[in-house]
């Protein structure tokens, strides 16, 4: 296989940045007990990109693949949220914390920097 190209890395970095913002906002609003009504829709949109990246050469990076697989799980959970799912919100946010998903996302694409996985750091 050819491996990930610069374009794959750029798309993955942009996606990881958007996903980090979404999950951070989701976590804050979920902890306050008022998740955005659009959260399931946005999660489905990001989930589609997650699955495309998992099937792309970008996922040949073992650590990126593991992160994408974790994101796939949490985004699928959010995509299936119902408006009265307080217990589900707690499970999702607890899972984010226990797996360190947000920290891993932040490490993968540091603010203003190039993607860590493209440098062999992730």
N, C-alpha and C. Protein backbone atom coordinates (compact mmCIF):
# COMPACT_ATOMS: atom_id res chain seq x y z
N UNK A 1 0.83 -1.19 0.00
CA UNK A 1 0.00 0.00 0.00
C UNK A 1 0.87 1.24 0.00
N UNK A 2 0.31 2.34 -0.48
CA UNK A 2 1.05 3.60 -0.59
C UNK A 2 1.22 4.32 0.73
N UNK A 3 0.29 4.18 1.62
CA UNK A 3 0.33 4.93 2.87
C UNK A 3 -0.36 6.27 2.71
N UNK A 4 -0.54 6.97 3.83
CA UNK A 4 -1.25 8.24 3.77
C UNK A 4 -0.45 9.31 3.05
N UNK A 5 -1.15 10.10 2.24
CA UNK A 5 -0.52 11.21 1.55
C UNK A 5 -0.69 12.48 2.39
N UNK A 6 -0.08 13.55 1.94
CA UNK A 6 -0.24 14.83 2.63
C UNK A 6 -1.71 15.24 2.65
N UNK A 7 -2.44 14.94 1.58
CA UNK A 7 -3.88 15.27 1.53
C UNK A 7 -4.65 14.49 2.59
N UNK A 8 -4.33 13.20 2.75
CA UNK A 8 -4.99 12.39 3.79
C UNK A 8 -4.71 12.97 5.17
N UNK A 9 -3.47 13.34 5.40
CA UNK A 9 -3.10 13.90 6.71
C UNK A 9 -3.82 15.23 6.97
N UNK A 10 -3.93 16.05 5.93
CA UNK A 10 -4.61 17.33 6.06
C UNK A 10 -6.09 17.14 6.37
N UNK A 11 -6.74 16.25 5.65
CA UNK A 11 -8.15 15.97 5.89
C UNK A 11 -8.35 15.42 7.30
N UNK A 12 -7.49 14.50 7.70
CA UNK A 12 -7.60 13.91 9.04
C UNK A 12 -7.40 14.97 10.12
N UNK A 13 -6.43 15.85 9.93
CA UNK A 13 -6.16 16.90 10.91
C UNK A 13 -7.34 17.85 11.04
N UNK A 14 -7.92 18.23 9.91
CA UNK A 14 -9.08 19.13 9.92
C UNK A 14 -10.26 18.44 10.62
N UNK A 15 -10.47 17.18 10.30
CA UNK A 15 -11.55 16.42 10.93
C UNK A 15 -11.33 16.30 12.44
N UNK A 16 -10.13 15.98 12.86
CA UNK A 16 -9.85 15.84 14.29
C UNK A 16 -10.07 17.16 15.02
N UNK A 17 -9.71 18.26 14.40
CA UNK A 17 -9.94 19.57 15.00
C UNK A 17 -11.43 19.85 15.18
N UNK A 18 -12.22 19.60 14.13
CA UNK A 18 -13.67 19.81 14.21
C UNK A 18 -14.30 18.89 15.26
N UNK A 19 -13.83 17.67 15.31
CA UNK A 19 -14.39 16.70 16.26
C UNK A 19 -14.04 17.09 17.69
N UNK A 20 -12.84 17.59 17.90
CA UNK A 20 -12.45 18.03 19.24
C UNK A 20 -13.33 19.19 19.71
N UNK A 21 -13.60 20.14 18.84
CA UNK A 21 -14.47 21.26 19.19
C UNK A 21 -15.88 20.75 19.50
N UNK A 22 -16.40 19.89 18.65
CA UNK A 22 -17.74 19.33 18.87
C UNK A 22 -17.83 18.59 20.20
N UNK A 23 -16.88 17.70 20.47
CA UNK A 23 -16.94 16.91 21.70
C UNK A 23 -16.73 17.76 22.95
N UNK A 24 -15.89 18.78 22.85
CA UNK A 24 -15.71 19.68 23.98
C UNK A 24 -17.00 20.42 24.28
N UNK A 25 -17.63 20.97 23.25
CA UNK A 25 -18.91 21.66 23.43
C UNK A 25 -19.99 20.70 23.95
N UNK A 26 -20.01 19.51 23.38
CA UNK A 26 -21.00 18.52 23.81
C UNK A 26 -20.83 18.18 25.28
N UNK A 27 -19.60 17.95 25.68
CA UNK A 27 -19.33 17.58 27.07
C UNK A 27 -19.75 18.68 28.04
N UNK A 28 -19.44 19.92 27.71
CA UNK A 28 -19.81 21.05 28.57
C UNK A 28 -21.33 21.16 28.68
N UNK A 29 -22.02 21.11 27.55
CA UNK A 29 -23.48 21.25 27.58
C UNK A 29 -24.14 20.03 28.22
N UNK A 30 -23.57 18.86 28.02
CA UNK A 30 -24.13 17.65 28.64
C UNK A 30 -23.97 17.69 30.15
N UNK A 31 -22.82 18.17 30.63
CA UNK A 31 -22.61 18.28 32.08
C UNK A 31 -23.59 19.28 32.70
N UNK A 32 -23.97 20.29 31.91
CA UNK A 32 -24.94 21.28 32.38
C UNK A 32 -26.37 20.76 32.25
N UNK A 33 -26.52 19.58 31.64
CA UNK A 33 -27.83 18.98 31.48
C UNK A 33 -28.62 19.51 30.30
N UNK A 34 -27.95 20.25 29.41
CA UNK A 34 -28.65 20.84 28.27
C UNK A 34 -27.85 20.68 26.98
N UNK A 35 -27.75 19.46 26.48
CA UNK A 35 -27.02 19.28 25.22
C UNK A 35 -27.77 19.95 24.06
N UNK A 36 -27.03 20.40 23.10
CA UNK A 36 -27.62 21.03 21.93
C UNK A 36 -28.55 20.03 21.22
N UNK A 37 -29.67 20.54 20.73
CA UNK A 37 -30.60 19.68 19.98
C UNK A 37 -29.96 19.16 18.70
N UNK A 38 -29.00 19.90 18.18
CA UNK A 38 -28.35 19.52 16.93
C UNK A 38 -27.22 18.52 17.13
N UNK A 39 -26.92 18.16 18.37
CA UNK A 39 -25.78 17.26 18.64
C UNK A 39 -25.90 15.92 17.91
N UNK A 40 -27.06 15.24 17.93
CA UNK A 40 -27.13 13.97 17.19
C UNK A 40 -26.89 14.14 15.69
N UNK A 41 -27.41 15.22 15.11
CA UNK A 41 -27.19 15.47 13.68
C UNK A 41 -25.71 15.67 13.39
N UNK A 42 -25.06 16.53 14.17
CA UNK A 42 -23.64 16.81 13.96
C UNK A 42 -22.80 15.54 14.20
N UNK A 43 -23.18 14.75 15.19
CA UNK A 43 -22.46 13.50 15.45
C UNK A 43 -22.58 12.56 14.25
N UNK A 44 -23.76 12.48 13.64
CA UNK A 44 -23.92 11.62 12.46
C UNK A 44 -23.05 12.11 11.31
N UNK A 45 -22.98 13.42 11.15
CA UNK A 45 -22.15 14.01 10.08
C UNK A 45 -20.68 13.66 10.30
N UNK A 46 -20.21 13.84 11.53
CA UNK A 46 -18.82 13.51 11.84
C UNK A 46 -18.57 12.01 11.77
N UNK A 47 -19.57 11.24 12.13
CA UNK A 47 -19.44 9.78 12.07
C UNK A 47 -19.20 9.30 10.64
N UNK A 48 -19.88 9.94 9.69
CA UNK A 48 -19.65 9.58 8.29
C UNK A 48 -18.21 9.81 7.88
N UNK A 49 -17.65 10.94 8.30
CA UNK A 49 -16.25 11.24 7.99
C UNK A 49 -15.32 10.27 8.71
N UNK A 50 -15.67 9.92 9.94
CA UNK A 50 -14.85 8.95 10.69
C UNK A 50 -14.74 7.65 9.92
N UNK A 51 -15.85 7.18 9.44
CA UNK A 51 -15.86 5.90 8.71
C UNK A 51 -15.08 5.99 7.40
N UNK A 52 -15.18 7.12 6.73
CA UNK A 52 -14.39 7.31 5.51
C UNK A 52 -12.90 7.29 5.83
N UNK A 53 -12.50 7.97 6.91
CA UNK A 53 -11.09 8.00 7.29
C UNK A 53 -10.60 6.61 7.71
N UNK A 54 -11.46 5.85 8.38
CA UNK A 54 -11.07 4.49 8.77
C UNK A 54 -10.80 3.61 7.56
N UNK A 55 -11.47 3.90 6.45
CA UNK A 55 -11.28 3.13 5.22
C UNK A 55 -10.21 3.73 4.31
N UNK A 56 -9.56 4.81 4.75
CA UNK A 56 -8.57 5.48 3.93
C UNK A 56 -7.15 5.09 4.36
N UNK A 57 -6.16 5.43 3.55
CA UNK A 57 -4.78 5.18 3.94
C UNK A 57 -4.36 5.90 5.23
N UNK A 58 -5.07 6.96 5.61
CA UNK A 58 -4.73 7.67 6.85
C UNK A 58 -4.81 6.73 8.06
N UNK A 59 -5.69 5.75 8.00
CA UNK A 59 -5.88 4.83 9.12
C UNK A 59 -4.79 3.77 9.22
N UNK A 60 -3.82 3.82 8.33
CA UNK A 60 -2.69 2.90 8.44
C UNK A 60 -1.82 3.23 9.64
N UNK A 61 -1.90 4.48 10.11
CA UNK A 61 -1.22 4.87 11.34
C UNK A 61 -1.97 4.22 12.50
N UNK A 62 -1.30 3.37 13.24
CA UNK A 62 -1.94 2.57 14.29
C UNK A 62 -2.61 3.43 15.35
N UNK A 63 -1.94 4.47 15.78
CA UNK A 63 -2.51 5.32 16.84
C UNK A 63 -3.69 6.14 16.32
N UNK A 64 -3.59 6.62 15.09
CA UNK A 64 -4.71 7.34 14.51
C UNK A 64 -5.90 6.41 14.36
N UNK A 65 -5.67 5.19 13.91
CA UNK A 65 -6.76 4.22 13.76
C UNK A 65 -7.44 3.98 15.11
N UNK A 66 -6.67 3.82 16.17
CA UNK A 66 -7.27 3.60 17.49
C UNK A 66 -8.11 4.79 17.92
N UNK A 67 -7.62 6.00 17.66
CA UNK A 67 -8.37 7.20 17.99
C UNK A 67 -9.65 7.27 17.17
N UNK A 68 -9.56 7.00 15.88
CA UNK A 68 -10.74 7.01 15.02
C UNK A 68 -11.77 5.98 15.48
N UNK A 69 -11.31 4.82 15.90
CA UNK A 69 -12.24 3.80 16.38
C UNK A 69 -12.94 4.25 17.66
N UNK A 70 -12.21 4.91 18.57
CA UNK A 70 -12.84 5.46 19.77
C UNK A 70 -13.85 6.55 19.41
N UNK A 71 -13.48 7.40 18.46
CA UNK A 71 -14.39 8.45 18.03
C UNK A 71 -15.63 7.87 17.37
N UNK A 72 -15.46 6.82 16.61
CA UNK A 72 -16.60 6.17 15.98
C UNK A 72 -17.62 5.71 17.04
N UNK A 73 -17.12 5.14 18.11
CA UNK A 73 -18.00 4.67 19.17
C UNK A 73 -18.74 5.82 19.84
N UNK A 74 -18.03 6.85 20.26
CA UNK A 74 -18.67 7.95 20.99
C UNK A 74 -19.61 8.74 20.08
N UNK A 75 -19.24 8.94 18.83
CA UNK A 75 -20.12 9.65 17.91
C UNK A 75 -21.38 8.85 17.62
N UNK A 76 -21.27 7.54 17.53
CA UNK A 76 -22.46 6.70 17.34
C UNK A 76 -23.38 6.80 18.55
N UNK A 77 -22.80 6.85 19.74
CA UNK A 77 -23.62 7.00 20.95
C UNK A 77 -24.36 8.33 20.95
N UNK A 78 -23.66 9.40 20.59
CA UNK A 78 -24.29 10.73 20.56
C UNK A 78 -25.35 10.79 19.46
N UNK A 79 -25.08 10.18 18.32
CA UNK A 79 -26.02 10.19 17.20
C UNK A 79 -27.34 9.53 17.57
N UNK A 80 -27.33 8.62 18.52
CA UNK A 80 -28.54 7.91 18.91
C UNK A 80 -29.21 8.49 20.14
N UNK A 81 -28.71 9.61 20.63
CA UNK A 81 -29.28 10.24 21.82
C UNK A 81 -30.73 10.65 21.61
N UNK A 82 -31.50 10.46 22.64
CA UNK A 82 -32.87 10.95 22.63
C UNK A 82 -32.95 12.13 23.58
N UNK A 83 -33.95 12.96 23.41
CA UNK A 83 -34.03 14.21 24.16
C UNK A 83 -34.12 14.01 25.67
N UNK A 84 -34.60 12.88 26.13
CA UNK A 84 -34.76 12.66 27.57
C UNK A 84 -33.72 11.67 28.11
N UNK A 85 -32.57 11.58 27.48
CA UNK A 85 -31.57 10.58 27.83
C UNK A 85 -30.51 11.06 28.81
N UNK A 86 -30.90 11.57 29.97
CA UNK A 86 -29.92 12.07 30.97
C UNK A 86 -28.92 10.98 31.35
N UNK A 87 -29.40 9.78 31.56
CA UNK A 87 -28.50 8.69 31.92
C UNK A 87 -27.51 8.40 30.78
N UNK A 88 -28.00 8.47 29.55
CA UNK A 88 -27.13 8.27 28.40
C UNK A 88 -26.06 9.36 28.32
N UNK A 89 -26.46 10.60 28.61
CA UNK A 89 -25.49 11.71 28.62
C UNK A 89 -24.37 11.43 29.61
N UNK A 90 -24.75 10.98 30.79
CA UNK A 90 -23.75 10.68 31.82
C UNK A 90 -22.81 9.57 31.37
N UNK A 91 -23.35 8.53 30.75
CA UNK A 91 -22.52 7.42 30.27
C UNK A 91 -21.54 7.90 29.19
N UNK A 92 -22.03 8.72 28.29
CA UNK A 92 -21.17 9.22 27.20
C UNK A 92 -20.05 10.10 27.75
N UNK A 93 -20.40 11.05 28.61
CA UNK A 93 -19.37 11.95 29.14
C UNK A 93 -18.39 11.20 30.05
N UNK A 94 -18.89 10.25 30.83
CA UNK A 94 -17.99 9.43 31.65
C UNK A 94 -17.04 8.63 30.77
N UNK A 95 -17.55 8.09 29.67
CA UNK A 95 -16.71 7.34 28.74
C UNK A 95 -15.64 8.22 28.10
N UNK A 96 -16.02 9.45 27.74
CA UNK A 96 -15.04 10.39 27.19
C UNK A 96 -13.91 10.62 28.18
N UNK A 97 -14.28 10.79 29.45
CA UNK A 97 -13.27 11.03 30.48
C UNK A 97 -12.41 9.81 30.73
N UNK A 98 -13.03 8.65 30.85
CA UNK A 98 -12.29 7.42 31.17
C UNK A 98 -11.32 7.03 30.06
N UNK A 99 -11.71 7.23 28.82
CA UNK A 99 -10.83 6.87 27.70
C UNK A 99 -9.85 7.98 27.35
N UNK A 100 -10.02 9.16 27.96
CA UNK A 100 -9.12 10.27 27.66
C UNK A 100 -9.21 10.74 26.23
N UNK A 101 -10.38 10.62 25.65
CA UNK A 101 -10.57 10.91 24.23
C UNK A 101 -10.22 12.35 23.88
N UNK A 102 -10.68 13.31 24.66
CA UNK A 102 -10.40 14.71 24.34
C UNK A 102 -8.91 15.02 24.45
N UNK A 103 -8.25 14.49 25.43
CA UNK A 103 -6.80 14.69 25.56
C UNK A 103 -6.05 14.10 24.38
N UNK A 104 -6.48 12.93 23.95
CA UNK A 104 -5.84 12.30 22.79
C UNK A 104 -6.08 13.11 21.52
N UNK A 105 -7.29 13.67 21.39
CA UNK A 105 -7.57 14.53 20.23
C UNK A 105 -6.68 15.76 20.25
N UNK A 106 -6.56 16.38 21.41
CA UNK A 106 -5.74 17.59 21.52
C UNK A 106 -4.27 17.29 21.25
N UNK A 107 -3.82 16.13 21.65
CA UNK A 107 -2.43 15.75 21.39
C UNK A 107 -2.21 15.46 19.91
N UNK A 108 -3.25 14.97 19.24
CA UNK A 108 -3.12 14.61 17.82
C UNK A 108 -2.99 15.84 16.94
N UNK A 109 -3.68 16.92 17.29
CA UNK A 109 -3.63 18.14 16.50
C UNK A 109 -3.48 19.31 17.45
N UNK A 110 -2.25 19.61 17.87
CA UNK A 110 -2.05 20.74 18.77
C UNK A 110 -2.43 22.05 18.10
N UNK A 111 -2.89 23.00 18.89
CA UNK A 111 -3.31 24.30 18.36
C UNK A 111 -2.18 24.94 17.58
N UNK A 112 -2.51 25.31 16.35
CA UNK A 112 -1.55 26.02 15.52
C UNK A 112 -0.42 25.16 14.97
N UNK A 113 -0.44 23.87 15.27
CA UNK A 113 0.66 23.01 14.81
C UNK A 113 0.21 22.04 13.74
N UNK A 114 1.16 21.29 13.26
CA UNK A 114 0.81 20.28 12.28
C UNK A 114 0.38 19.02 13.03
N UNK A 115 -0.36 18.17 12.36
CA UNK A 115 -0.86 16.97 13.02
C UNK A 115 0.28 16.13 13.59
N UNK A 116 0.14 15.73 14.85
CA UNK A 116 1.17 14.95 15.50
C UNK A 116 1.36 13.61 14.82
N UNK A 117 0.28 13.03 14.27
CA UNK A 117 0.42 11.72 13.64
C UNK A 117 1.24 11.81 12.38
N UNK A 118 1.27 12.98 11.72
CA UNK A 118 2.07 13.10 10.51
C UNK A 118 3.55 13.21 10.82
N UNK A 119 3.86 13.50 12.10
CA UNK A 119 5.24 13.59 12.52
C UNK A 119 5.69 12.33 13.25
N UNK A 120 4.82 11.33 13.29
CA UNK A 120 5.16 10.09 13.98
C UNK A 120 5.05 10.18 15.49
N UNK A 121 4.36 11.22 16.01
CA UNK A 121 4.25 11.40 17.44
C UNK A 121 3.03 10.70 17.98
N UNK A 122 1.93 10.70 17.24
CA UNK A 122 0.69 10.10 17.70
C UNK A 122 0.76 8.60 17.65
